[in-house]
Protein backbone atom coordinates (compact mmCIF):
# COMPACT_ATOMS: atom_id res chain seq x y z
CA VAL A 1 -6.91 -9.26 6.24
CA THR A 2 -3.50 -9.35 4.43
CA ARG A 3 -0.84 -11.78 4.78
CA VAL A 4 2.29 -12.05 3.08
CA ASP A 5 2.68 -14.80 0.68
CA PRO A 6 6.08 -16.32 1.47
CA ASP A 7 6.38 -17.81 -1.86
CA LYS A 8 5.58 -14.58 -3.98
CA ALA A 9 7.63 -12.53 -1.58
CA TYR A 10 10.82 -14.15 -1.55
CA ASP A 11 12.65 -12.82 -4.28
CA VAL A 12 10.94 -9.08 -3.89
CA HIS A 13 12.64 -6.28 -2.19
CA LEU A 14 10.62 -3.06 -2.56
CA THR A 15 9.22 -0.48 -0.48
CA LEU A 16 5.92 1.25 -1.04
CA GLY A 17 5.31 4.76 0.76
CA PHE A 18 1.93 6.07 1.58
CA GLU A 19 1.56 9.78 1.97
CA PHE A 20 -1.63 11.41 3.55
CA PRO A 21 -1.73 14.97 2.85
CA ASP A 22 -5.16 15.60 4.89
CA THR A 23 -3.20 14.42 8.03
CA GLY A 24 0.41 14.99 7.56
CA GLU A 25 1.07 11.37 7.84
CA GLN A 26 3.69 9.19 6.06
CA LEU A 27 4.23 5.40 6.21
CA ALA A 28 6.01 2.93 4.34
CA LEU A 29 5.68 -0.67 4.02
CA GLU A 30 8.67 -2.89 3.04
CA VAL A 31 8.60 -6.28 1.71
CA ARG A 32 12.16 -7.98 1.84
CA ARG A 33 12.54 -12.14 1.28
CA GLY A 34 8.89 -12.86 2.26
CA VAL A 35 8.89 -10.42 5.14
CA ALA A 36 6.87 -7.24 5.37
CA GLN A 37 7.84 -4.40 7.72
CA LEU A 38 6.02 -1.14 8.48
CA HIS A 39 8.18 2.10 8.71
CA GLN A 40 7.03 5.54 10.26
CA GLY A 41 7.83 8.17 7.30
CA ILE A 42 8.86 7.24 4.02
CA PRO A 43 12.59 5.99 4.11
CA GLU A 44 14.86 7.96 1.49
CA GLY A 45 15.14 6.60 -1.80
CA THR A 46 11.84 4.89 -2.10
CA THR A 47 10.53 5.00 -5.65
CA LEU A 48 7.22 3.94 -5.17
CA LYS A 49 4.37 6.07 -3.45
CA LEU A 50 1.01 6.71 -3.34
CA THR A 51 -0.59 9.92 -2.00
CA MET A 52 -4.41 10.00 -1.06
CA ASP A 53 -6.53 11.64 1.63
CA LYS A 54 -6.90 9.13 4.64
CA ARG A 55 -10.73 9.09 3.75
CA PHE A 56 -9.78 7.46 0.46
CA MET A 57 -7.66 4.86 1.72
CA GLU A 58 -10.35 3.76 4.37
CA THR A 59 -12.39 2.92 0.98
CA LEU A 60 -9.48 0.93 -0.24
CA LEU A 61 -9.38 -1.11 3.09
CA THR A 62 -12.96 -1.43 3.02
CA GLY A 63 -13.19 -2.72 -0.50
CA GLU A 64 -15.67 0.11 -1.36
CA GLY A 65 -12.86 1.81 -3.82
CA GLY A 66 -10.36 0.54 -5.93
CA LEU A 67 -6.78 1.74 -6.74
CA VAL A 68 -6.87 2.02 -10.42
CA LYS A 69 -10.27 3.78 -10.25
CA GLY A 70 -8.87 6.38 -7.39
CA ALA A 71 -5.89 7.31 -10.10
CA LEU A 72 -8.14 7.85 -12.75
CA MET A 73 -10.55 9.91 -10.71
CA GLY A 74 -7.56 12.05 -8.93
CA ASP A 75 -8.08 10.52 -5.65
CA VAL A 76 -4.95 8.84 -5.33
CA LYS A 77 -1.54 9.90 -6.93
CA ILE A 78 0.86 7.04 -7.91
CA ASP A 79 4.43 7.61 -8.03
CA GLY A 80 6.74 5.07 -9.55
CA SER A 81 6.13 1.99 -11.98
CA LEU A 82 2.91 0.64 -12.06
CA LEU A 83 4.62 -3.08 -12.72
CA ASP A 84 6.66 -2.58 -9.31
CA ILE A 85 3.50 -1.87 -7.43
CA LYS A 86 1.52 -4.70 -8.81
CA THR A 87 4.59 -6.85 -8.15
CA PHE A 88 4.38 -5.50 -4.54
CA LEU A 89 0.72 -5.87 -4.06
CA GLY A 90 1.11 -9.38 -5.69
CA CYS A 91 3.28 -10.57 -2.29
CA PHE A 92 -0.09 -10.63 -0.02
CA ASP A 93 -3.02 -12.72 -0.20
CA PHE A 94 -6.13 -10.48 0.42
CA SER A 95 -8.34 -12.49 2.18
CA GLU A 96 -11.90 -12.02 1.96
CA GLU A 97 -12.82 -12.54 5.89
CA PRO A 98 -14.07 -9.78 7.42
CA PHE A 99 -11.99 -7.67 9.81
CA GLY A 100 -12.58 -4.80 12.50
CA LEU A 101 -11.16 -1.54 11.37
CA THR A 102 -9.87 1.28 13.61
CA ILE A 103 -9.08 4.65 12.04
CA ARG A 104 -7.97 7.64 13.86
């Protein structure tokens, strides 16, 4: 479960694109003034992007994998500033609560 932390995200305006070559899907999550918006596709001009197979994304969502380890192992390609990605991810509170995960 993730929640936007309005205090941490208030002065942030960043978009992180997600590309899944194995399924052909592209999504983006934009954080702007404490609000998160999901986009179908990656908006033009997006400088932050993670490229990975959907299966690796599943390991991130379940906590079995990590972004840094995935990058080092070649499971995820990172485009853009690592500092900006850290800022982007810092806008969220990642809960330890279990959650239901549905993957298509």
